[in-house]
C-alpha atoms as a PDB file:
ATOM      1  CA  MET A   1      89.276  77.568 -18.682  1.00  0.00           C
ATOM      2  CA  SER A   2      87.654  75.510 -15.766  1.00  0.00           C
ATOM      3  CA  GLU A   3      86.352  77.243 -12.944  1.00  0.00           C
ATOM      4  CA  ALA A   4      88.147  77.103  -9.631  1.00  0.00           C
ATOM      5  CA  PRO A   5      86.916  75.369  -6.926  1.00  0.00           C
ATOM      6  CA  PRO A   6      84.624  77.526  -4.433  1.00  0.00           C
ATOM      7  CA  VAL A   7      86.425  78.162  -1.313  1.00  0.00           C
ATOM      8  CA  ARG A   8      84.994  77.546   1.839  1.00  0.00           C
ATOM      9  CA  ILE A   9      85.437  79.843   5.087  1.00  0.00           C
ATOM     10  CA  MET A  10      85.126  77.671   8.648  1.00  0.00           C
ATOM     11  CA  PRO A  11      83.549  79.844  10.853  1.00  0.00           C
ATOM     12  CA  ARG A  12      85.629  81.116  13.876  1.00  0.00           C
ATOM     13  CA  VAL A  13      85.202  78.921  17.167  1.00  0.00           C
ATOM     14  CA  GLU A  14      85.876  80.928  20.290  1.00  0.00           C
ATOM     15  CA  THR A  15      87.592  79.214  23.130  1.00  0.00           C
ATOM     16  CA  GLU A  16      84.548  80.460  25.361  1.00  0.00           C
ATOM     17  CA  ASP A  17      81.889  78.179  23.453  1.00  0.00           C
ATOM     18  CA  LEU A  18      83.823  75.282  24.112  1.00  0.00           C
ATOM     19  CA  PRO A  19      82.616  73.226  26.770  1.00  0.00           C
ATOM     20  CA  ALA A  20      85.125  73.234  29.839  1.00  0.00           C
ATOM     21  CA  ALA A  21      85.622  69.578  29.796  1.00  0.00           C
ATOM     22  CA  ARG A  22      86.560  69.642  26.236  1.00  0.00           C
ATOM     23  CA  LEU A  23      89.361  72.344  26.988  1.00  0.00           C
ATOM     24  CA  GLU A  24      90.412  70.487  30.134  1.00  0.00           C
ATOM     25  CA  ALA A  25      90.851  67.435  27.781  1.00  0.00           C
ATOM     26  CA  ALA A  26      92.781  69.709  25.482  1.00  0.00           C
ATOM     27  CA  VAL A  27      94.972  71.035  27.289  1.00  0.00           C
ATOM     28  CA  ALA A  28      95.856  67.950  29.683  1.00  0.00           C
ATOM     29  CA  LEU A  29      99.214  66.527  29.282  1.00  0.00           C
ATOM     30  CA  ALA A  30     100.310  62.985  29.705  1.00  0.00           C
ATOM     31  CA  ASP A  31     101.812  62.229  33.267  1.00  0.00           C
ATOM     32  CA  PRO A  32     105.444  61.530  33.713  1.00  0.00           C
ATOM     33  CA  PRO A  33     106.332  58.134  33.882  1.00  0.00           C
ATOM     34  CA  PRO A  34     107.332  57.032  37.089  1.00  0.00           C
ATOM     35  CA  THR A  35     110.914  57.326  38.359  1.00  0.00           C
ATOM     36  CA  ARG A  36     112.867  53.891  39.024  1.00  0.00           C
ATOM     37  CA  ARG A  37     114.198  53.629  42.334  1.00  0.00           C
ATOM     38  CA  TRP A  38     116.724  51.224  40.853  1.00  0.00           C
ATOM     39  CA  GLY A  39     118.946  52.317  37.994  1.00  0.00           C
ATOM     40  CA  MET A  40     120.775  50.592  35.728  1.00  0.00           C
ATOM     41  CA  PRO A  41     124.109  50.878  37.631  1.00  0.00           C
ATOM     42  CA  ALA A  42     122.412  49.726  41.077  1.00  0.00           C
ATOM     43  CA  LEU A  43     121.249  46.869  39.140  1.00  0.00           C
ATOM     44  CA  VAL A  44     124.340  46.004  37.375  1.00  0.00           C
ATOM     45  CA  LEU A  45     126.285  46.131  40.909  1.00  0.00           C
ATOM     46  CA  CYS A  46     123.639  44.253  42.951  1.00  0.00           C
ATOM     47  CA  GLY A  47     123.555  41.526  40.139  1.00  0.00           C
ATOM     48  CA  ALA A  48     127.450  41.527  40.389  1.00  0.00           C
ATOM     49  CA  SER A  49     127.419  41.100  44.057  1.00  0.00           C
ATOM     50  CA  VAL A  50     125.121  38.090  43.881  1.00  0.00           C
ATOM     51  CA  LEU A  51     126.909  36.444  41.477  1.00  0.00           C
ATOM     52  CA  LEU A  52     129.893  36.736  43.181  1.00  0.00           C
ATOM     53  CA  LEU A  53     128.782  35.819  46.977  1.00  0.00           C
ATOM     54  CA  GLY A  54     126.601  32.728  45.222  1.00  0.00           C
ATOM     55  CA  PHE A  55     129.593  31.255  43.264  1.00  0.00           C
ATOM     56  CA  SER A  56     131.963  32.034  46.090  1.00  0.00           C
ATOM     57  CA  GLY A  57     129.681  30.548  48.316  1.00  0.00           C
ATOM     58  CA  LEU A  58     129.027  27.346  45.994  1.00  0.00           C
ATOM     59  CA  GLY A  59     132.833  27.083  45.603  1.00  0.00           C
ATOM     60  CA  THR A  60     133.677  27.365  49.687  1.00  0.00           C
ATOM     61  CA  VAL A  61     130.862  24.433  50.281  1.00  0.00           C
ATOM     62  CA  ASN A  62     132.421  22.148  47.415  1.00  0.00           C
ATOM     63  CA  PHE A  63     135.922  22.921  48.839  1.00  0.00           C
ATOM     64  CA  VAL A  64     134.716  21.881  52.211  1.00  0.00           C
ATOM     65  CA  GLU A  65     133.186  18.974  51.363  1.00  0.00           C
ATOM     66  CA  ALA A  66     136.420  17.804  49.434  1.00  0.00           C
ATOM     67  CA  GLU A  67     138.170  18.513  52.550  1.00  0.00           C
ATOM     68  CA  TYR A  68     136.137  16.508  54.668  1.00  0.00           C
ATOM     69  CA  LEU A  69     136.513  13.438  52.271  1.00  0.00           C
ATOM     70  CA  GLU A  70     140.367  13.989  52.656  1.00  0.00           C
ATOM     71  CA  SER A  71     140.407  14.601  56.524  1.00  0.00           C
ATOM     72  CA  PRO A  72     137.687  15.502  58.901  1.00  0.00           C
ATOM     73  CA  VAL A  73     140.356  17.707  60.740  1.00  0.00           C
ATOM     74  CA  LEU A  74     140.916  19.447  57.472  1.00  0.00           C
ATOM     75  CA  GLY A  75     137.320  19.887  56.756  1.00  0.00           C
ATOM     76  CA  GLY A  76     136.644  21.271  60.074  1.00  0.00           C
ATOM     77  CA  LEU A  77     139.242  24.117  59.477  1.00  0.00           C
ATOM     78  CA  ALA A  78     138.214  24.684  56.051  1.00  0.00           C
ATOM     79  CA  GLY A  79     134.271  24.958  57.647  1.00  0.00           C
ATOM     80  CA  ALA A  80     135.408  27.496  60.368  1.00  0.00           C
ATOM     81  CA  VAL A  81     137.727  29.502  57.997  1.00  0.00           C
ATOM     82  CA  ALA A  82     134.365  29.762  55.374  1.00  0.00           C
ATOM     83  CA  VAL A  83     132.030  30.612  58.356  1.00  0.00           C
ATOM     84  CA  SER A  84     134.425  33.254  59.755  1.00  0.00           C
ATOM     85  CA  GLY A  85     134.996  34.626  56.511  1.00  0.00           C
ATOM     86  CA  PHE A  86     131.128  35.027  55.476  1.00  0.00           C
ATOM     87  CA  THR A  87     130.116  36.253  58.730  1.00  0.00           C
ATOM     88  CA  LEU A  88     132.691  39.213  58.569  1.00  0.00           C
ATOM     89  CA  ILE A  89     131.337  39.885  55.055  1.00  0.00           C
ATOM     90  CA  GLY A  90     127.603  39.636  56.331  1.00  0.00           C
ATOM     91  CA  ALA A  91     128.491  41.628  59.616  1.00  0.00           C
ATOM     92  CA  GLY A  92     130.112  44.510  56.831  1.00  0.00           C
ATOM     93  CA  ILE A  93     127.070  44.228  54.529  1.00  0.00           C
ATOM     94  CA  TRP A  94     124.536  44.495  57.396  1.00  0.00           C
ATOM     95  CA  ARG A  95     126.458  47.808  58.856  1.00  0.00           C
ATOM     96  CA  GLU A  96     126.655  49.482  55.447  1.00  0.00           C
ATOM     97  CA  LEU A  97     122.443  48.764  55.372  1.00  0.00           C
ATOM     98  CA  SER A  98     121.850  49.892  58.852  1.00  0.00           C
ATOM     99  CA  ALA A  99     124.238  53.164  57.977  1.00  0.00           C
ATOM    100  CA  LEU A 100     121.670  53.743  54.630  1.00  0.00           C
ATOM    101  CA  MET A 101     118.755  52.663  56.742  1.00  0.00           C
ATOM    102  CA  ALA A 102     119.817  55.243  59.483  1.00  0.00           C
ATOM    103  CA  LEU A 103     120.085  57.984  56.666  1.00  0.00           C
ATOM    104  CA  ARG A 104     116.731  57.258  55.528  1.00  0.00           C
ATOM    105  CA  GLY A 105     115.435  57.446  59.155  1.00  0.00           C
ATOM    106  CA  VAL A 106     116.980  61.539  59.004  1.00  0.00           C
ATOM    107  CA  ASP A 107     114.732  61.946  55.795  1.00  0.00           C
ATOM    108  CA  ARG A 108     111.386  60.597  58.040  1.00  0.00           C
ATOM    109  CA  LEU A 109     112.353  62.774  60.961  1.00  0.00           C
ATOM    110  CA  ARG A 110     112.818  66.072  59.212  1.00  0.00           C
ATOM    111  CA  ALA A 111     109.535  65.040  57.222  1.00  0.00           C
ATOM    112  CA  ALA A 112     108.037  64.676  60.629  1.00  0.00           C
ATOM    113  CA  LEU A 113     109.157  67.975  61.976  1.00  0.00           C
ATOM    114  CA  SER A 114     108.652  69.953  59.089  1.00  0.00           C
ATOM    115  CA  GLY A 115     104.802  69.005  59.484  1.00  0.00           C
ATOM    116  CA  THR A 116     102.138  70.505  61.244  1.00  0.00           C
ATOM    117  CA  ASP A 117     101.063  67.523  63.528  1.00  0.00           C
ATOM    118  CA  ALA A 118     101.652  68.305  67.071  1.00  0.00           C
ATOM    119  CA  VAL A 119     101.836  64.724  68.357  1.00  0.00           C
ATOM    120  CA  ALA A 120     104.018  63.625  65.396  1.00  0.00           C
ATOM    121  CA  ARG A 121     106.477  66.463  65.791  1.00  0.00           C
ATOM    122  CA  ALA A 122     106.685  65.335  69.542  1.00  0.00           C
ATOM    123  CA  ARG A 123     107.248  61.968  68.530  1.00  0.00           C
ATOM    124  CA  ALA A 124     110.064  62.566  65.891  1.00  0.00           C
ATOM    125  CA  ALA A 125     111.983  65.190  68.224  1.00  0.00           C
ATOM    126  CA  ARG A 126     111.719  62.241  71.166  1.00  0.00           C
ATOM    127  CA  ALA A 127     113.158  59.853  68.640  1.00  0.00           C
ATOM    128  CA  TRP A 128     116.058  61.897  67.673  1.00  0.00           C
ATOM    129  CA  LEU A 129     117.075  63.005  71.062  1.00  0.00           C
ATOM    130  CA  THR A 130     117.295  59.551  72.464  1.00  0.00           C
ATOM    131  CA  HIS A 131     120.486  59.018  69.880  1.00  0.00           C
ATOM    132  CA  LEU A 132     122.255  62.025  71.422  1.00  0.00           C
ATOM    133  CA  PRO A 133     124.219  62.308  74.676  1.00  0.00           C
ATOM    134  CA  GLU A 134     122.303  65.663  76.023  1.00  0.00           C
ATOM    135  CA  GLY A 135     119.061  64.309  74.590  1.00  0.00           C
ATOM    136  CA  PRO A 136     117.308  62.726  77.291  1.00  0.00           C
ATOM    137  CA  ALA A 137     117.723  66.015  79.718  1.00  0.00           C
ATOM    138  CA  LEU A 138     115.412  67.397  77.268  1.00  0.00           C
ATOM    139  CA  LEU A 139     112.634  64.728  77.071  1.00  0.00           C
ATOM    140  CA  PRO A 140     110.713  66.326  79.897  1.00  0.00           C
ATOM    141  CA  ALA A 141     110.526  69.353  78.249  1.00  0.00           C
ATOM    142  CA  ILE A 142     109.418  68.032  74.974  1.00  0.00           C
ATOM    143  CA  ASP A 143     106.511  66.201  76.861  1.00  0.00           C
ATOM    144  CA  ALA A 144     105.349  69.420  78.372  1.00  0.00           C
ATOM    145  CA  ILE A 145     105.271  71.179  75.263  1.00  0.00           C
ATOM    146  CA  ASN A 146     102.232  71.351  73.213  1.00  0.00           C
ATOM    147  CA  ASP A 147     102.852  73.919  70.401  1.00  0.00           C
ATOM    148  CA  PRO A 148     104.690  72.068  67.560  1.00  0.00           C
ATOM    149  CA  ASP A 149     106.476  75.713  66.883  1.00  0.00           C
ATOM    150  CA  ALA A 150     108.141  75.778  70.523  1.00  0.00           C
ATOM    151  CA  ILE A 151     109.081  72.224  69.850  1.00  0.00           C
ATOM    152  CA  LEU A 152     111.091  73.502  66.541  1.00  0.00           C
ATOM    153  CA  ALA A 153     112.604  76.336  68.994  1.00  0.00           C
ATOM    154  CA  LEU A 154     113.610  74.241  72.003  1.00  0.00           C
ATOM    155  CA  LEU A 155     115.840  71.933  69.466  1.00  0.00           C
ATOM    156  CA  ARG A 156     117.205  74.747  67.243  1.00  0.00           C
ATOM    157  CA  SER A 157     118.497  76.647  70.501  1.00  0.00           C
ATOM    158  CA  GLY A 158     119.510  73.293  72.296  1.00  0.00           C
ATOM    159  CA  PRO A 159     121.199  70.424  70.360  1.00  0.00           C
ATOM    160  CA  VAL A 160     121.121  72.002  67.266  1.00  0.00           C
ATOM    161  CA  ALA A 161     123.169  74.907  68.321  1.00  0.00           C
ATOM    162  CA  ALA A 162     125.535  72.802  70.363  1.00  0.00           C
ATOM    163  CA  LEU A 163     126.097  70.660  67.448  1.00  0.00           C
ATOM    164  CA  ARG A 164     126.833  73.066  65.044  1.00  0.00           C
ATOM    165  CA  LEU A 165     129.359  74.724  67.461  1.00  0.00           C
ATOM    166  CA  ARG A 166     130.597  71.157  67.837  1.00  0.00           C
ATOM    167  CA  ALA A 167     130.839  70.607  63.948  1.00  0.00           C
ATOM    168  CA  ASP A 168     132.333  74.357  63.643  1.00  0.00           C
ATOM    169  CA  ALA A 169     135.477  72.965  65.789  1.00  0.00           C
ATOM    170  CA  LEU A 170     135.798  70.035  63.835  1.00  0.00           C
ATOM    171  CA  GLY A 171     135.628  72.124  60.678  1.00  0.00           C
ATOM    172  CA  ARG A 172     138.442  74.508  62.015  1.00  0.00           C
ATOM    173  CA  ALA A 173     140.537  71.438  63.066  1.00  0.00           C
ATOM    174  CA  ALA A 174     140.425  70.273  59.494  1.00  0.00           C
ATOM    175  CA  ALA A 175     141.107  73.462  58.202  1.00  0.00           C
ATOM    176  CA  TYR A 176     144.483  73.616  60.262  1.00  0.00           C
ATOM    177  CA  GLN A 177     145.147  70.445  59.171  1.00  0.00           C
ATOM    178  CA  SER A 178     144.454  70.992  55.650  1.00  0.00           C
ATOM    179  CA  VAL A 179     146.665  74.091  55.296  1.00  0.00           C
ATOM    180  CA  ALA A 180     149.559  72.378  57.146  1.00  0.00           C
ATOM    181  CA  GLY A 181     149.212  69.263  55.065  1.00  0.00           C
ATOM    182  CA  ILE A 182     149.099  71.146  51.499  1.00  0.00           C
ATOM    183  CA  ALA A 183     152.155  73.002  52.798  1.00  0.00           C
ATOM    184  CA  ALA A 184     153.924  69.606  53.254  1.00  0.00           C
ATOM    185  CA  MET A 185     153.055  67.827  50.158  1.00  0.00           C
ATOM    186  CA  PRO A 186     155.413  67.807  47.672  1.00  0.00           C
ATOM    187  CA  SER A 187     152.908  68.169  44.511  1.00  0.00           C
ATOM    188  CA  SER A 188     149.721  69.648  44.162  1.00  0.00           C
ATOM    189  CA  GLY A 189     148.214  66.329  43.153  1.00  0.00           C
ATOM    190  CA  LEU A 190     149.071  64.861  46.450  1.00  0.00           C
ATOM    191  CA  ALA A 191     147.660  68.198  47.830  1.00  0.00           C
ATOM    192  CA  ALA A 192     144.422  67.890  46.397  1.00  0.00           C
ATOM    193  CA  LEU A 193     144.231  64.210  47.325  1.00  0.00           C
ATOM    194  CA  PHE A 194     144.813  65.086  50.814  1.00  0.00           C
ATOM    195  CA  VAL A 195     142.088  67.319  51.070  1.00  0.00           C
ATOM    196  CA  ALA A 196     139.444  65.344  49.476  1.00  0.00           C
ATOM    197  CA  TRP A 197     140.670  62.164  52.081  1.00  0.00           C
ATOM    198  CA  ARG A 198     140.468  65.237  54.871  1.00  0.00           C
ATOM    199  CA  GLY A 199     137.056  66.217  53.894  1.00  0.00           C
ATOM    200  CA  LEU A 200     135.673  62.891  53.586  1.00  0.00           C
ATOM    201  CA  ARG A 201     136.863  62.227  57.392  1.00  0.00           C
ATOM    202  CA  LEU A 202     135.356  65.386  58.223  1.00  0.00           C
ATOM    203  CA  VAL A 203     131.834  64.631  56.934  1.00  0.00           C
ATOM    204  CA  ARG A 204     132.053  61.306  58.992  1.00  0.00           C
ATOM    205  CA  GLN A 205     133.061  63.135  61.917  1.00  0.00           C
ATOM    206  CA  VAL A 206     130.322  65.510  61.851  1.00  0.00           C
ATOM    207  CA  ALA A 207     127.735  62.403  61.077  1.00  0.00           C
ATOM    208  CA  ALA A 208     129.110  60.762  64.018  1.00  0.00           C
ATOM    209  CA  LEU A 209     128.471  63.944  65.997  1.00  0.00           C
ATOM    210  CA  HIS A 210     124.973  63.480  65.331  1.00  0.00           C
ATOM    211  CA  GLY A 211     124.548  59.754  66.154  1.00  0.00           C
ATOM    212  CA  LEU A 212     125.271  58.174  62.309  1.00  0.00           C
ATOM    213  CA  ARG A 213     127.931  55.640  61.467  1.00  0.00           C
ATOM    214  CA  PRO A 214     128.129  55.958  57.690  1.00  0.00           C
ATOM    215  CA  GLY A 215     129.823  53.265  55.880  1.00  0.00           C
ATOM    216  CA  LEU A 216     131.341  53.614  52.425  1.00  0.00           C
ATOM    217  CA  MET A 217     127.900  54.042  50.341  1.00  0.00           C
ATOM    218  CA  ALA A 218     126.103  55.820  53.223  1.00  0.00           C
ATOM    219  CA  THR A 219     129.103  58.406  53.184  1.00  0.00           C
ATOM    220  CA  LEU A 220     128.897  58.623  49.134  1.00  0.00           C
ATOM    221  CA  GLY A 221     125.224  59.484  49.853  1.00  0.00           C
ATOM    222  CA  LEU A 222     125.997  61.559  52.784  1.00  0.00           C
ATOM    223  CA  VAL A 223     128.577  63.870  50.519  1.00  0.00           C
ATOM    224  CA  ARG A 224     125.986  64.440  48.017  1.00  0.00           C
ATOM    225  CA  ARG A 225     123.374  65.513  50.712  1.00  0.00           C
ATOM    226  CA  THR A 226     126.352  67.842  52.220  1.00  0.00           C
ATOM    227  CA  MET A 227     126.333  69.615  48.913  1.00  0.00           C
ATOM    228  CA  LEU A 228     122.881  70.483  48.434  1.00  0.00           C
ATOM    229  CA  ALA A 229     122.760  71.322  51.867  1.00  0.00           C
ATOM    230  CA  ALA A 230     125.614  73.799  51.280  1.00  0.00           C
ATOM    231  CA  GLY A 231     123.737  75.474  48.365  1.00  0.00           C
ATOM    232  CA  ALA A 232     120.391  75.328  50.236  1.00  0.00           C
ATOM    233  CA  VAL A 233     121.817  76.965  53.336  1.00  0.00           C
ATOM    234  CA  ALA A 234     122.371  80.667  52.697  1.00  0.00           C
ATOM    235  CA  GLY A 235     123.946  81.478  56.487  1.00  0.00           C
ATOM    236  CA  VAL A 236     126.879  78.862  55.444  1.00  0.00           C
ATOM    237  CA  GLU A 237     128.870  81.185  53.016  1.00  0.00           C
ATOM    238  CA  VAL A 238     128.746  84.019  55.380  1.00  0.00           C
ATOM    239  CA  ALA A 239     129.520  81.709  58.509  1.00  0.00           C
ATOM    240  CA  ALA A 240     132.531  80.305  56.570  1.00  0.00           C
ATOM    241  CA  ASN A 241     133.661  83.316  55.427  1.00  0.00           C
ATOM    242  CA  THR A 242     134.121  84.896  58.963  1.00  0.00           C
ATOM    243  CA  ALA A 243     135.735  81.694  60.516  1.00  0.00           C
ATOM    244  CA  ALA A 244     138.025  81.378  57.969  1.00  0.00           C
ATOM    245  CA  HIS A 245     139.097  84.902  58.344  1.00  0.00           C
ATOM    246  CA  ALA A 246     139.121  84.444  62.218  1.00  0.00           C
ATOM    247  CA  LEU A 247     141.577  80.916  61.051  1.00  0.00           C
ATOM    248  CA  LEU A 248     143.667  82.971  59.027  1.00  0.00           C
ATOM    249  CA  SER A 249     144.369  85.740  60.961  1.00  0.00           C
ATOM    250  CA  ASN A 250     146.924  83.843  62.827  1.00  0.00           C
ATOM    251  CA  PRO A 251     150.258  85.053  61.520  1.00  0.00           C
ATOM    252  CA  LEU A 252     151.558  81.678  61.277  1.00  0.00           C
ATOM    253  CA  MET A 253     148.806  80.590  59.041  1.00  0.00           C
ATOM    254  CA  GLN A 254     148.974  83.838  57.497  1.00  0.00           C
ATOM    255  CA  HIS A 255     152.872  83.075  56.599  1.00  0.00           C
ATOM    256  CA  VAL A 256     151.940  79.437  55.762  1.00  0.00           C
ATOM    257  CA  ALA A 257     148.519  80.417  53.425  1.00  0.00           C
ATOM    258  CA  GLY A 258     150.041  83.398  51.941  1.00  0.00           C
ATOM    259  CA  ASP A 259     152.743  81.191  50.152  1.00  0.00           C
ATOM    260  CA  MET A 260     150.010  78.780  48.630  1.00  0.00           C
ATOM    261  CA  ALA A 261     147.217  79.633  46.429  1.00  0.00           C
ATOM    262  CA  GLY A 262     145.251  77.107  47.663  1.00  0.00           C
ATOM    263  CA  GLY A 263     145.869  77.307  51.289  1.00  0.00           C
ATOM    264  CA  ALA A 264     142.927  80.075  52.146  1.00  0.00           C
ATOM    265  CA  VAL A 265     140.588  78.100  49.815  1.00  0.00           C
ATOM    266  CA  ALA A 266     141.056  74.849  51.273  1.00  0.00           C
ATOM    267  CA  ALA A 267     140.367  76.510  54.742  1.00  0.00           C
ATOM    268  CA  ARG A 268     137.281  77.882  53.758  1.00  0.00           C
ATOM    269  CA  ARG A 269     136.016  74.947  52.101  1.00  0.00           C
ATOM    270  CA  MET A 270     136.391  72.962  55.366  1.00  0.00           C
ATOM    271  CA  MET A 271     134.697  75.183  57.171  1.00  0.00           C
ATOM    272  CA  VAL A 272     131.574  75.547  54.562  1.00  0.00           C
ATOM    273  CA  LEU A 273     131.834  71.522  54.569  1.00  0.00           C
ATOM    274  CA  ALA A 274     131.450  71.285  58.441  1.00  0.00           C
ATOM    275  CA  ARG A 275     128.603  73.548  58.723  1.00  0.00           C
ATOM    276  CA  ALA A 276     126.785  71.904  55.910  1.00  0.00           C
ATOM    277  CA  ALA A 277     127.354  68.661  56.408  1.00  0.00           C
ATOM    278  CA  SER A 278     125.835  69.339  60.262  1.00  0.00           C
ATOM    279  CA  VAL A 279     122.715  70.731  58.328  1.00  0.00           C
ATOM    280  CA  ALA A 280     122.964  67.534  56.258  1.00  0.00           C
ATOM    281  CA  CYS A 281     122.862  65.307  59.385  1.00  0.00           C
ATOM    282  CA  SER A 282     120.534  67.048  61.413  1.00  0.00           C
ATOM    283  CA  PRO A 283     116.577  66.135  60.839  1.00  0.00           C
ATOM    284  CA  VAL A 284     115.447  69.448  62.104  1.00  0.00           C
ATOM    285  CA  PRO A 285     114.978  71.899  59.350  1.00  0.00           C
ATOM    286  CA  PRO A 286     117.024  75.211  59.126  1.00  0.00           C
ATOM    287  CA  GLU A 287     115.002  78.495  59.742  1.00  0.00           C
END
């Protein structure tokens, strides 16, 4: 019979005996890949837009040139129509880009107001107040304050509180209209479309209160921010419940909403949406 090979017992190595550098190398994880700001849908949309506008422009130039060969008058008319149309398209694109840049500006102001630098916080407060109707009256008070926390307290007790009251008023109006619209709609599908349209209009109205003029893409981005703000602000639910209860305490609204399962829910959602949109549009961080 052949002898079994000897078994070698490896000595136990304690982690304390290993150098710190080897331990760090053992537990170090690879850095996550950097996220790309342009995803596949954005690239496809931009490419399709470039192709559409590029080929449309080339086709328009060829058409205008052909009209000039036929008659200078027809060529001039075709050129005027082409210039007018592309000017309107460019104006719409520029307005959309301006609205998107304004939303990015809200993020920059919020980052500055959330920081500890007193100079940067005062500069951001002055930049935001210039876009509000009552803002210029507070600029001397901002210039006289040296405490960063006092600047935030002044903004929260002044412009933020006033904008919140106006947003709540818009939310109550939207809630009334939602309840009445649901009662007048012949089907639940049309009622859902009406509530969705009224919610988008409410978001745009609250954004206009804060000096923003969102277009289509900016409105979609603002709706996303509003949903995140509704989940982050704890006081939204309490305020919405209180406002919806006060709204539905009206005898007429109790009668109308009592006959519909979604009337009270729609009213409450409009109040939530108005308060959350106000938080999303304001660069002042919530308390």
